[in-house]
Amino acid sequence: MRNLRNLSWLPLFALAVAPAAQTPTFDFSASELLDDIKTLSSDKFGGRGPGSAGEKLTVDFITERFKKLGLKPGNPDGTYVQKVPLAGITPEIKEELSFTGAGGKKLAFKYRQDYVAFTNRVTPDTGFDAPLVFVGYGVVAPEYGWDDYKGLDVKGKVLVMLINDPPVPDPANPAKLDPKMFGGSAMTYYGRWTYKYEIAAAKGAAGCLIVHETEPAAYPWEVVRGSWGKESFVTADANKNMSQVAVQGWITHETAGQLFDYAALKKSAVSKSFKPVELPWTAHLKIHNAIRHIDSHNVLAKLEGSDAALRDQFVIYSAHWDHLGIGPGPDGAPNAIYHGAQDNASGTAGLLQWARAYTHLAKPPRRSVLFLAVTGEEQGLLGSEYYALHPLYPLKKTAAVINKDVLNVYGRTKDITITGTRMSSLEDDLESAAKAQGRVVKGDPEPEKGHYYRSDHFSFAKQGVPALETGSGDDYIAHPGDWGKKKRDEYTNNDYHKPTDTVRSDWDLTGAVEDLSLLMTVGLKVGNSNAWPQWNPGTEFKAKRDAMMK
């Protein structure tokens, strides 16, 4: 792999695939990109946890860069920040998760080793002492004729659910998944852990324990205990937080196997005829929650459009600045720094490069551009959700959102992948821009992992705004075959949401700057157009946008 240090002086255009007549030239600095990633993921920034000293350093760093570029404050109040009120909740296990069965039989499990448990409700004490029910995948989906509850009253009970969607076999080819059920191999929102906690709350359950398996969850157990086995943040809105069940948790599949015949019940759950199983256990857990209230911050800057008639319309570029801060490491170390170099110091540095490139254009686009670095993505898209629900500029005046969560750090690719399925006309613009670079657009290589629901563009899509998120390509110019997939799997298994997500000496950011150029081309097309990007017919977000634009 070519070392970036030998290429960092080159302008992005010199790294492009297509000849000069076909691609625009933008002012990106690969060396500055790398320096920013190193700074944001350094020990000094402490993992950039919300409410930490690392947050202040990060917010100040981004703000100063915006000011240096001559961008205007993004908040109409004259500041570069939008306050996002959060509550930090640190669980202290007062009584370990245990289960009592017939004849007084008791099983007890260890926090973080066998389970994690927490709450999104701002309350000092929580827990349960309630019967246990296995509800399969926990899904109620009328459009698929699917109901995992079959009328059973689960109010006040603890539910055990499987992660992801039900993997329903295709009747015509049982080796594959039925494309008519839950998107086939692509995860739907029914498969996300957020949905499972929401449906448990709607059913009046006392708690919900999701069974973890690495493949369907898309990350190993170390990610679960690293992400949830410490302080977590929620929007400081008591009413909103009632939408998720009081006690949320995960258990390992080995733990589940001690409570019931895991293989047999898992198999039975992949059917419309599945009925919930009341297990012969009463579940016990007591948690005390240390609570603190903070104001975290979205950081934002504005480049005013050049057309007075379109200046009140916006294209938003977004990336989340936060990571997991400091907490217990996979080896039990109490003060491990979760550096978050790829996730998402890289995306934040990319956002700053977009800001740099836009300010160096000969003329701004006709529409205005908002550069938005959001907080709390790792806690459940909190900062982007807060902006989408409390927009500083009307969403009906927001033409599109282009989000970047993790840059390609492995070199140039012949392709670029989209996240999710083709949703809007933005993918058409992406395809045109990629063709000009001599590249092709490919579908999501991991649709089963539900990436479309896992990053900040989703907060805007839920509110109806066309939003685009791309992944890295898989077909690397300098490497053969499935090398890209192997690198992606290595990152997921070894570094994702772990202290080891750090800058590496063999990184090659030539692909990252090419992707930034590509997405800038897409944003400029929207920014210079009178037209509004459109959701594709049948897309779940189209109706909300249509109603908004009326």
Protein backbone atom coordinates (compact mmCIF):
# COMPACT_ATOMS: atom_id res chain seq x y z
CA MET A 1 0.00 0.00 0.00
CA ARG A 2 1.34 3.42 -0.91
CA ASN A 3 2.10 5.58 2.08
CA LEU A 4 0.01 8.76 2.36
CA ARG A 5 3.05 10.80 3.34
CA ASN A 6 4.33 10.45 -0.20
CA LEU A 7 1.04 11.73 -1.64
CA SER A 8 -0.24 14.29 0.84
CA TRP A 9 1.03 17.26 -1.14
CA LEU A 10 -1.09 16.34 -4.16
CA PRO A 11 -4.39 18.15 -4.76
CA LEU A 12 -7.36 15.85 -4.86
CA PHE A 13 -7.71 16.24 -8.60
CA ALA A 14 -4.33 14.63 -9.17
CA LEU A 15 -5.69 11.53 -7.44
CA ALA A 16 -8.84 11.28 -9.53
CA VAL A 17 -9.41 8.43 -11.96
CA ALA A 18 -11.01 10.31 -14.83
CA PRO A 19 -9.27 12.93 -16.97
CA ALA A 20 -9.35 16.61 -16.06
CA ALA A 21 -12.06 17.54 -18.54
CA GLN A 22 -14.58 15.26 -16.81
CA THR A 23 -14.13 15.98 -13.11
CA PRO A 24 -14.14 19.23 -11.11
CA THR A 25 -11.14 20.26 -9.05
CA PHE A 26 -11.67 20.90 -5.34
CA ASP A 27 -9.23 22.10 -2.71
CA PHE A 28 -8.84 19.21 -0.27
CA SER A 29 -5.72 18.68 1.81
CA ALA A 30 -4.93 15.03 2.50
CA SER A 31 -2.22 15.97 5.00
CA GLU A 32 -4.60 18.25 6.91
CA LEU A 33 -7.20 15.49 6.88
CA LEU A 34 -4.77 13.08 8.50
CA ASP A 35 -3.56 15.66 11.02
CA ASP A 36 -7.14 16.39 12.09
CA ILE A 37 -7.91 12.70 12.56
CA LYS A 38 -4.78 12.33 14.68
CA THR A 39 -5.73 15.32 16.81
CA LEU A 40 -9.36 14.33 17.36
CA SER A 41 -8.47 10.72 18.21
CA SER A 42 -5.52 11.59 20.44
CA ASP A 43 -5.29 10.73 24.14
CA LYS A 44 -5.73 14.43 24.92
CA PHE A 45 -9.28 14.38 23.50
CA GLY A 46 -10.15 11.38 25.67
CA GLY A 47 -12.46 9.61 23.26
CA ARG A 48 -14.69 12.68 22.73
CA GLY A 49 -17.43 11.58 25.10
CA PRO A 50 -20.40 13.96 25.52
CA GLY A 51 -20.16 16.00 28.69
CA SER A 52 -16.43 15.35 29.08
CA ALA A 53 -13.36 17.54 28.84
CA GLY A 54 -12.95 15.92 25.44
CA GLU A 55 -16.23 17.43 24.29
CA LYS A 56 -15.04 20.95 25.08
CA LEU A 57 -11.77 20.36 23.25
CA THR A 58 -13.62 18.95 20.25
CA VAL A 59 -16.25 21.69 20.08
CA ASP A 60 -13.55 24.36 20.38
CA PHE A 61 -11.42 22.65 17.72
CA ILE A 62 -14.26 22.48 15.19
CA THR A 63 -15.46 26.01 15.99
CA GLU A 64 -12.03 27.53 15.55
CA ARG A 65 -11.61 25.77 12.23
CA PHE A 66 -14.96 27.09 11.01
CA LYS A 67 -13.97 30.61 12.06
CA LYS A 68 -10.58 30.33 10.39
CA LEU A 69 -12.30 29.37 7.14
CA GLY A 70 -14.46 32.49 7.35
CA LEU A 71 -17.73 30.61 7.69
CA LYS A 72 -20.63 32.34 9.41
CA PRO A 73 -22.10 31.04 12.68
CA GLY A 74 -24.59 28.29 11.91
CA ASN A 75 -26.95 29.22 14.72
CA PRO A 76 -29.13 32.27 13.98
CA ASP A 77 -28.33 33.44 17.54
CA GLY A 78 -24.82 34.27 16.33
CA THR A 79 -23.00 31.24 17.76
CA TYR A 80 -21.47 28.13 16.24
CA VAL A 81 -23.29 25.74 18.58
CA GLN A 82 -26.73 24.36 19.23
CA LYS A 83 -27.22 23.18 22.80
CA VAL A 84 -28.48 19.62 23.11
CA PRO A 85 -29.78 18.88 26.64
CA LEU A 86 -28.84 15.37 27.70
CA ALA A 87 -29.04 13.23 30.81
CA GLY A 88 -26.10 10.95 31.55
CA ILE A 89 -27.07 7.70 33.28
CA THR A 90 -24.48 5.42 34.88
CA PRO A 91 -25.90 2.09 36.02
CA GLU A 92 -24.71 0.65 39.31
CA ILE A 93 -25.83 -2.96 39.65
CA LYS A 94 -27.27 -3.40 43.16
CA GLU A 95 -28.46 -6.95 42.54
CA GLU A 96 -27.06 -9.04 39.68
CA LEU A 97 -29.33 -10.46 37.02
CA SER A 98 -30.68 -13.77 38.30
CA PHE A 99 -33.50 -16.19 37.60
CA THR A 100 -35.51 -18.34 39.99
CA GLY A 101 -37.11 -21.51 38.68
CA ALA A 102 -39.20 -24.40 39.92
CA GLY A 103 -38.23 -25.76 43.31
CA GLY A 104 -36.20 -22.66 44.10
CA LYS A 105 -33.57 -23.36 41.45
CA LYS A 106 -31.55 -20.21 40.86
CA LEU A 107 -29.19 -19.05 38.12
CA ALA A 108 -27.07 -15.90 38.54
CA PHE A 109 -25.02 -14.04 35.93
CA LYS A 110 -22.20 -11.52 35.90
CA TYR A 111 -22.55 -7.93 34.68
CA ARG A 112 -20.68 -7.17 31.44
CA GLN A 113 -19.50 -10.78 31.19
CA ASP A 114 -22.91 -12.39 30.70
CA TYR A 115 -25.23 -9.41 30.35
CA VAL A 116 -25.54 -5.64 30.31
CA ALA A 117 -28.57 -3.75 31.60
CA PHE A 118 -29.47 -0.08 31.65
CA THR A 119 -32.33 2.36 31.31
CA ASN A 120 -33.14 5.33 29.10
CA ARG A 121 -35.49 6.73 31.72
CA VAL A 122 -34.21 9.47 33.98
CA THR A 123 -34.92 7.72 37.26
CA PRO A 124 -32.61 6.86 40.17
CA ASP A 125 -33.71 3.25 40.59
CA THR A 126 -35.00 0.63 38.23
CA GLY A 127 -35.18 -3.13 37.90
CA PHE A 128 -37.65 -5.98 37.73
CA ASP A 129 -38.93 -9.03 39.57
CA ALA A 130 -41.13 -10.60 36.96
CA PRO A 131 -41.94 -13.68 34.85
CA LEU A 132 -39.82 -14.36 31.76
CA VAL A 133 -41.32 -14.75 28.28
CA PHE A 134 -39.59 -15.64 25.03
CA VAL A 135 -41.22 -13.66 22.19
CA GLY A 136 -39.07 -14.71 19.24
CA TYR A 137 -37.98 -11.63 17.31
CA GLY A 138 -40.50 -9.44 19.16
CA VAL A 139 -41.98 -8.15 15.91
CA VAL A 140 -45.47 -6.87 15.12
CA ALA A 141 -45.55 -6.20 11.37
CA PRO A 142 -49.09 -6.21 9.92
CA GLU A 143 -47.81 -5.60 6.39
CA TYR A 144 -46.08 -8.99 6.57
CA GLY A 145 -48.88 -10.71 8.48
CA TRP A 146 -46.48 -11.12 11.40
CA ASP A 147 -47.24 -10.98 15.14
CA ASP A 148 -44.89 -12.58 17.61
CA TYR A 149 -47.26 -11.97 20.55
CA LYS A 150 -50.48 -13.63 19.33
CA GLY A 151 -52.58 -11.75 21.88
CA LEU A 152 -50.56 -12.78 24.94
CA ASP A 153 -50.64 -10.11 27.67
CA VAL A 154 -46.97 -9.43 28.49
CA LYS A 155 -47.60 -6.39 30.67
CA GLY A 156 -45.24 -6.36 33.63
CA LYS A 157 -43.18 -9.27 32.29
CA VAL A 158 -39.57 -9.50 31.10
CA LEU A 159 -39.27 -10.27 27.41
CA VAL A 160 -36.44 -12.18 25.75
CA MET A 161 -35.99 -11.35 22.03
CA LEU A 162 -33.69 -12.31 19.20
CA ILE A 163 -31.72 -9.61 17.37
CA ASN A 164 -32.35 -8.67 13.72
CA ASP A 165 -35.38 -9.51 11.55
CA PRO A 166 -36.84 -13.00 11.31
CA PRO A 167 -34.70 -14.70 8.59
CA VAL A 168 -37.60 -16.25 6.68
CA PRO A 169 -36.47 -18.78 4.04
CA ASP A 170 -37.55 -18.28 0.43
CA PRO A 171 -40.10 -21.01 -0.39
CA ALA A 172 -38.65 -21.26 -3.91
CA ASN A 173 -35.07 -21.51 -2.65
CA PRO A 174 -34.76 -22.31 1.07
CA ALA A 175 -31.02 -21.59 0.97
CA LYS A 176 -31.89 -17.89 0.53
CA LEU A 177 -34.14 -15.46 2.38
CA ASP A 178 -37.62 -14.62 1.14
CA PRO A 179 -37.29 -11.20 -0.59
CA LYS A 180 -40.96 -10.49 0.21
CA MET A 181 -40.45 -10.79 3.95
CA PHE A 182 -38.62 -8.10 5.93
CA GLY A 183 -36.55 -6.99 2.96
CA GLY A 184 -35.00 -10.38 2.39
CA SER A 185 -31.33 -10.11 3.33
CA ALA A 186 -31.62 -6.37 4.08
CA MET A 187 -32.43 -5.44 7.66
CA THR A 188 -35.57 -3.43 8.26
CA TYR A 189 -36.24 -1.23 11.26
CA TYR A 190 -37.94 -4.23 12.91
CA GLY A 191 -34.49 -5.74 13.32
CA ARG A 192 -32.94 -2.80 15.19
CA TRP A 193 -32.53 -2.94 18.94
CA THR A 194 -34.26 0.43 19.21
CA TYR A 195 -37.44 -1.04 17.73
CA LYS A 196 -37.31 -3.99 20.12
CA TYR A 197 -37.12 -1.75 23.18
CA GLU A 198 -39.92 0.41 21.74
CA ILE A 199 -42.31 -2.49 21.11
CA ALA A 200 -41.58 -3.87 24.58
CA ALA A 201 -42.57 -0.51 26.06
CA ALA A 202 -45.71 -0.39 23.92
CA LYS A 203 -46.67 -3.83 25.25
CA GLY A 204 -46.16 -2.67 28.85
CA ALA A 205 -43.25 -5.01 29.57
CA ALA A 206 -41.10 -4.53 32.67
CA GLY A 207 -37.90 -5.26 30.76
CA CYS A 208 -36.46 -6.49 27.49
CA LEU A 209 -33.37 -8.68 27.11
CA ILE A 210 -32.00 -9.03 23.57
CA VAL A 211 -29.99 -12.17 22.86
CA HIS A 212 -26.65 -11.32 21.29
CA GLU A 213 -25.05 -13.26 18.47
CA THR A 214 -22.18 -11.71 16.54
CA GLU A 215 -23.37 -12.39 12.99
CA PRO A 216 -26.97 -11.10 13.20
CA ALA A 217 -26.01 -8.25 15.55
CA ALA A 218 -23.14 -7.26 13.21
CA TYR A 219 -20.67 -6.78 16.06
CA PRO A 220 -19.09 -8.95 18.78
CA TRP A 221 -20.04 -9.01 22.47
CA GLU A 222 -17.13 -6.71 23.32
CA VAL A 223 -18.94 -3.94 21.44
CA VAL A 224 -22.11 -4.47 23.50
CA ARG A 225 -20.38 -4.28 26.86
CA GLY A 226 -18.14 -1.44 25.72
CA SER A 227 -21.07 0.60 24.41
CA TRP A 228 -23.65 -0.04 27.13
CA GLY A 229 -21.65 -1.19 30.14
CA LYS A 230 -20.93 2.37 31.31
CA GLU A 231 -22.49 5.83 31.37
CA SER A 232 -24.92 6.35 28.53
CA PHE A 233 -26.78 9.46 27.47
CA VAL A 234 -30.39 10.12 26.59
CA THR A 235 -32.22 13.22 25.49
CA ALA A 236 -33.33 14.97 28.67
CA ASP A 237 -36.99 14.59 27.82
CA ALA A 238 -38.89 12.38 30.23
CA ASN A 239 -41.87 11.91 27.91
CA LYS A 240 -39.75 10.85 24.93
CA ASN A 241 -37.80 8.34 26.98
CA MET A 242 -41.02 6.60 28.02
CA SER A 243 -41.17 5.24 24.46
CA GLN A 244 -38.53 2.66 25.36
CA VAL A 245 -38.95 -0.06 27.96
CA ALA A 246 -37.83 0.74 31.51
CA VAL A 247 -35.07 -1.88 31.70
CA GLN A 248 -33.13 -2.53 28.52
CA GLY A 249 -30.52 -5.22 28.29
CA TRP A 250 -28.52 -7.72 26.30
CA ILE A 251 -27.58 -11.26 27.24
CA THR A 252 -25.09 -13.55 25.54
CA HIS A 253 -26.50 -16.48 23.62
CA GLU A 254 -24.64 -18.72 26.07
CA THR A 255 -26.64 -17.14 28.90
CA ALA A 256 -29.86 -17.68 26.95
CA GLY A 257 -28.88 -21.31 26.45
CA GLN A 258 -28.94 -21.85 30.21
CA LEU A 259 -32.50 -20.56 30.42
CA PHE A 260 -34.13 -22.47 27.56
CA ASP A 261 -33.42 -24.66 24.54
CA TYR A 262 -31.97 -21.81 22.53
CA ALA A 263 -31.48 -23.61 19.22
CA ALA A 264 -35.00 -25.06 19.21
CA LEU A 265 -36.82 -21.84 20.12
CA LYS A 266 -34.71 -19.81 17.73
CA LYS A 267 -35.72 -22.19 14.93
CA SER A 268 -39.40 -22.01 15.87
CA ALA A 269 -39.31 -18.19 15.81
CA VAL A 270 -38.74 -18.07 12.03
CA SER A 271 -42.41 -18.62 11.26
CA LYS A 272 -45.64 -16.63 11.21
CA SER A 273 -47.19 -19.37 13.34
CA PHE A 274 -44.73 -18.82 16.21
CA LYS A 275 -46.38 -18.31 19.60
CA PRO A 276 -44.64 -16.72 22.61
CA VAL A 277 -43.31 -19.13 25.20
CA GLU A 278 -43.78 -18.41 28.90
CA LEU A 279 -40.55 -19.66 30.42
CA PRO A 280 -40.38 -21.33 33.87
CA TRP A 281 -38.30 -18.52 35.35
CA THR A 282 -38.80 -15.34 37.33
CA ALA A 283 -36.21 -12.69 36.48
CA HIS A 284 -34.64 -10.42 39.11
CA LEU A 285 -32.52 -7.30 38.73
CA LYS A 286 -31.92 -4.12 40.72
CA ILE A 287 -30.09 -1.09 39.31
CA HIS A 288 -29.28 2.26 40.89
CA ASN A 289 -28.65 5.02 38.36
CA ALA A 290 -26.28 7.91 38.92
CA ILE A 291 -27.73 10.79 36.91
CA ARG A 292 -26.19 14.02 35.69
CA HIS A 293 -27.67 16.65 33.39
CA ILE A 294 -25.50 18.33 30.79
CA ASP A 295 -25.74 20.54 27.76
CA SER A 296 -23.91 18.83 24.94
CA HIS A 297 -23.49 20.62 21.62
CA ASN A 298 -23.97 20.30 17.92
CA VAL A 299 -21.40 22.48 16.13
CA LEU A 300 -22.48 24.20 12.94
CA ALA A 301 -21.38 26.80 10.42
CA LYS A 302 -23.01 28.35 7.38
CA LEU A 303 -21.91 29.28 3.89
CA GLU A 304 -24.52 31.62 2.45
CA GLY A 305 -25.84 30.86 -1.01
CA SER A 306 -25.03 33.13 -3.93
CA ASP A 307 -28.63 33.37 -5.20
CA ALA A 308 -30.83 35.66 -3.10
CA ALA A 309 -33.92 33.75 -4.20
CA LEU A 310 -32.50 30.40 -2.96
CA ARG A 311 -30.39 31.57 -0.03
CA ASP A 312 -32.95 30.45 2.55
CA GLN A 313 -32.71 26.86 1.25
CA PHE A 314 -30.01 24.51 2.53
CA VAL A 315 -27.84 21.55 1.73
CA ILE A 316 -26.56 20.00 4.95
CA TYR A 317 -23.27 18.12 5.28
CA SER A 318 -23.11 16.19 8.56
CA ALA A 319 -20.84 13.95 10.62
CA HIS A 320 -20.84 13.02 14.29
CA TRP A 321 -17.94 14.29 16.37
CA ASP A 322 -18.52 12.10 19.43
CA HIS A 323 -17.26 8.67 20.37
CA LEU A 324 -17.43 6.54 23.53
CA GLY A 325 -15.09 8.53 25.77
CA ILE A 326 -13.34 6.72 28.60
CA GLY A 327 -14.59 3.49 30.14
CA PRO A 328 -13.84 -0.13 30.94
CA GLY A 329 -11.76 -1.79 28.25
CA PRO A 330 -12.30 -5.26 26.81
CA ASP A 331 -9.58 -6.52 29.15
CA GLY A 332 -11.28 -4.98 32.20
CA ALA A 333 -8.99 -1.95 32.40
CA PRO A 334 -11.07 0.78 34.12
CA ASN A 335 -9.90 3.87 32.20
CA ALA A 336 -9.47 2.83 28.59
CA ILE A 337 -9.71 5.60 25.97
CA TYR A 338 -12.03 4.76 23.09
CA HIS A 339 -10.16 6.83 20.52
CA GLY A 340 -12.65 6.55 17.64
CA ALA A 341 -10.15 7.36 14.89
CA GLN A 342 -12.21 5.91 12.06
CA ASP A 343 -15.48 6.23 13.96
CA ASN A 344 -15.78 9.14 13.63
CA ALA A 345 -12.74 11.38 13.87
CA SER A 346 -12.34 10.56 10.19
CA GLY A 347 -15.84 11.74 9.27
CA THR A 348 -15.44 14.90 11.35
CA ALA A 349 -12.14 15.65 9.64
CA GLY A 350 -13.88 15.02 6.31
CA LEU A 351 -16.60 17.52 7.27
CA LEU A 352 -13.89 20.13 7.89
CA GLN A 353 -12.41 19.34 4.48
CA TRP A 354 -15.79 19.90 2.85
CA ALA A 355 -15.99 23.24 4.65
CA ARG A 356 -12.49 24.11 3.42
CA ALA A 357 -13.27 23.13 -0.18
CA TYR A 358 -16.55 25.05 -0.29
CA THR A 359 -14.96 28.23 1.02
CA HIS A 360 -12.28 27.97 -1.68
CA LEU A 361 -14.78 27.83 -4.55
CA ALA A 362 -14.73 30.79 -6.92
CA LYS A 363 -18.45 31.25 -6.19
CA PRO A 364 -20.67 29.63 -3.53
CA PRO A 365 -23.56 27.45 -4.71
CA ARG A 366 -26.93 29.14 -5.17
CA ARG A 367 -28.42 27.44 -2.11
CA SER A 368 -26.77 27.86 1.30
CA VAL A 369 -24.68 25.08 2.85
CA LEU A 370 -24.79 24.10 6.52
CA PHE A 371 -21.87 22.14 7.98
CA LEU A 372 -23.21 20.21 10.96
CA ALA A 373 -21.07 18.24 13.44
CA VAL A 374 -23.47 16.45 15.76
CA THR A 375 -23.17 15.00 19.24
CA GLY A 376 -24.46 11.76 20.72
CA GLU A 377 -24.52 9.54 17.63
CA GLU A 378 -23.02 6.68 19.59
CA GLN A 379 -25.80 7.05 22.16
CA GLY A 380 -28.60 6.65 19.62
CA LEU A 381 -28.33 9.50 17.07
CA LEU A 382 -29.18 12.02 19.79
CA GLY A 383 -27.63 15.17 18.31
CA SER A 384 -28.97 14.68 14.79
CA GLU A 385 -32.38 13.73 16.15
CA TYR A 386 -32.40 16.86 18.28
CA TYR A 387 -31.60 19.04 15.28
CA ALA A 388 -34.20 17.29 13.12
CA LEU A 389 -36.85 17.88 15.80
CA HIS A 390 -35.60 21.39 16.64
CA PRO A 391 -34.24 22.60 13.28
CA LEU A 392 -32.52 25.96 13.17
CA TYR A 393 -33.64 26.24 9.54
CA PRO A 394 -36.96 24.77 8.40
CA LEU A 395 -36.77 21.19 7.17
CA LYS A 396 -39.09 22.10 4.28
CA LYS A 397 -36.30 24.47 3.20
CA THR A 398 -33.66 21.74 3.57
CA ALA A 399 -33.03 20.23 0.15
CA ALA A 400 -30.80 17.33 1.18
CA VAL A 401 -28.52 15.89 3.85
CA ILE A 402 -25.19 14.24 3.00
CA ASN A 403 -23.71 12.36 5.94
CA LYS A 404 -20.32 10.73 6.47
CA ASP A 405 -19.73 8.19 9.18
CA VAL A 406 -16.24 6.64 8.77
CA LEU A 407 -13.98 7.47 5.82
CA ASN A 408 -12.17 4.99 3.62
CA VAL A 409 -8.63 4.76 5.00
CA TYR A 410 -7.36 1.94 2.77
CA GLY A 411 -6.83 3.56 -0.63
CA ARG A 412 -8.65 4.24 -3.89
CA THR A 413 -11.50 2.09 -5.12
CA LYS A 414 -13.14 1.50 -8.46
CA ASP A 415 -16.55 1.66 -6.81
CA ILE A 416 -18.55 3.46 -4.12
CA THR A 417 -21.29 1.78 -2.09
CA ILE A 418 -24.56 3.23 -0.86
CA THR A 419 -26.01 2.56 2.56
CA GLY A 420 -29.34 0.78 2.45
CA THR A 421 -31.30 0.41 -0.77
CA ARG A 422 -31.75 3.07 -3.42
CA MET A 423 -33.96 5.60 -1.72
CA SER A 424 -33.96 8.91 -3.58
CA SER A 425 -32.81 10.93 -6.56
CA LEU A 426 -29.62 11.65 -4.62
CA GLU A 427 -28.40 8.19 -5.59
CA ASP A 428 -28.94 9.14 -9.24
CA ASP A 429 -26.78 12.24 -8.70
CA LEU A 430 -24.19 10.04 -6.99
CA GLU A 431 -24.14 7.67 -9.94
CA SER A 432 -23.53 10.52 -12.40
CA ALA A 433 -20.72 11.94 -10.25
CA ALA A 434 -19.13 8.50 -9.83
CA LYS A 435 -19.22 7.92 -13.59
CA ALA A 436 -17.33 11.17 -14.11
CA GLN A 437 -14.66 9.80 -11.76
CA GLY A 438 -14.50 6.56 -13.71
CA ARG A 439 -16.20 4.68 -10.87
CA VAL A 440 -19.42 2.75 -10.37
CA VAL A 441 -22.07 2.81 -7.63
CA LYS A 442 -22.81 -0.52 -5.97
CA GLY A 443 -25.47 -1.55 -3.48
CA ASP A 444 -24.94 -1.98 0.23
CA PRO A 445 -22.52 -4.91 0.68
CA GLU A 446 -23.97 -5.63 4.14
CA PRO A 447 -27.72 -4.91 3.93
CA GLU A 448 -28.37 -7.39 6.72
CA LYS A 449 -26.61 -5.07 9.20
CA GLY A 450 -29.12 -2.26 8.81
CA HIS A 451 -26.56 0.53 8.42
CA TYR A 452 -29.22 2.89 7.05
CA TYR A 453 -30.80 3.01 10.51
CA ARG A 454 -27.53 3.38 12.38
CA SER A 455 -26.19 6.81 11.46
CA ASP A 456 -27.24 10.44 11.53
CA HIS A 457 -28.78 10.68 8.06
CA PHE A 458 -31.60 8.48 9.41
CA SER A 459 -32.72 11.21 11.84
CA PHE A 460 -33.39 13.48 8.87
CA ALA A 461 -34.90 10.75 6.70
CA LYS A 462 -37.42 9.96 9.46
CA GLN A 463 -38.56 13.58 9.24
CA GLY A 464 -38.86 13.39 5.46
CA VAL A 465 -35.64 15.08 4.27
CA PRO A 466 -33.85 13.18 1.47
CA ALA A 467 -30.61 11.96 2.99
CA LEU A 468 -27.59 10.16 1.58
CA GLU A 469 -24.96 8.05 3.31
CA THR A 470 -22.26 6.18 1.41
CA GLY A 471 -19.87 3.51 2.53
CA SER A 472 -16.43 2.83 1.19
CA GLY A 473 -16.04 0.93 -2.02
CA ASP A 474 -14.98 -2.71 -1.93
CA ASP A 475 -13.03 -3.01 -5.19
CA TYR A 476 -9.62 -1.57 -4.26
CA ILE A 477 -7.38 -0.57 -7.14
CA ALA A 478 -4.18 -1.69 -5.43
CA HIS A 479 -5.55 -4.92 -3.97
CA PRO A 480 -7.18 -8.00 -5.47
CA GLY A 481 -10.46 -9.80 -4.93
CA ASP A 482 -12.11 -9.71 -1.51
CA TRP A 483 -9.35 -7.67 0.17
CA GLY A 484 -11.80 -4.86 0.91
CA LYS A 485 -14.26 -7.19 2.63
CA LYS A 486 -11.45 -8.68 4.70
CA LYS A 487 -10.35 -5.22 5.86
CA ARG A 488 -13.94 -4.31 6.74
CA ASP A 489 -14.38 -7.52 8.73
CA GLU A 490 -11.05 -6.98 10.49
CA TYR A 491 -12.17 -3.54 11.60
CA THR A 492 -15.57 -4.78 12.80
CA ASN A 493 -14.10 -7.70 14.72
CA ASN A 494 -10.97 -6.06 16.13
CA ASP A 495 -11.44 -2.29 16.39
CA TYR A 496 -15.07 -1.17 16.07
CA HIS A 497 -16.13 0.52 19.35
CA LYS A 498 -12.90 -0.59 21.00
CA PRO A 499 -9.92 1.38 22.33
CA THR A 500 -7.87 0.04 19.41
CA ASP A 501 -9.67 2.25 16.84
CA THR A 502 -6.58 4.41 16.34
CA VAL A 503 -4.64 5.92 13.43
CA ARG A 504 -2.42 3.34 11.72
CA SER A 505 0.87 3.94 9.92
CA ASP A 506 -0.29 2.08 6.79
CA TRP A 507 -3.39 4.18 6.17
CA ASP A 508 -3.85 5.49 2.64
CA LEU A 509 -6.30 8.40 2.47
CA THR A 510 -6.25 8.81 -1.30
CA GLY A 511 -9.59 6.99 -1.44
CA ALA A 512 -11.01 9.18 1.31
CA VAL A 513 -10.32 12.42 -0.54
CA GLU A 514 -11.73 10.94 -3.73
CA ASP A 515 -14.94 10.06 -1.87
CA LEU A 516 -15.10 13.56 -0.39
CA SER A 517 -14.81 14.98 -3.91
CA LEU A 518 -17.56 12.70 -5.12
CA LEU A 519 -19.99 13.77 -2.39
CA MET A 520 -19.09 17.42 -2.87
CA THR A 521 -20.07 17.08 -6.52
CA VAL A 522 -23.43 15.66 -5.44
CA GLY A 523 -23.98 18.49 -2.95
CA LEU A 524 -23.03 21.14 -5.49
CA LYS A 525 -25.51 19.77 -8.01
CA VAL A 526 -28.28 20.07 -5.42
CA GLY A 527 -26.98 23.42 -4.24
CA ASN A 528 -27.03 24.94 -7.71
CA SER A 529 -30.41 23.54 -8.76
CA ASN A 530 -33.94 24.90 -8.52
CA ALA A 531 -35.21 21.34 -8.20
CA TRP A 532 -35.77 19.44 -4.97
CA PRO A 533 -34.36 15.94 -4.48
CA GLN A 534 -37.17 13.39 -4.35
CA TRP A 535 -37.74 10.13 -2.49
CA ASN A 536 -38.35 7.22 -4.81
CA PRO A 537 -41.97 5.97 -5.07
CA GLY A 538 -42.77 3.48 -2.32
CA THR A 539 -40.00 4.70 -0.03
CA GLU A 540 -41.18 4.84 3.59
CA PHE A 541 -40.16 8.50 4.00
CA LYS A 542 -41.86 9.89 0.88
CA ALA A 543 -45.29 10.56 2.38
CA LYS A 544 -43.88 12.72 5.15
CA ARG A 545 -41.84 14.78 2.69
CA ASP A 546 -44.78 15.18 0.35
CA ALA A 547 -46.97 16.42 3.18
CA MET A 548 -44.23 18.78 4.37
CA MET A 549 -43.74 20.33 0.93
CA LYS A 550 -47.45 21.07 0.51
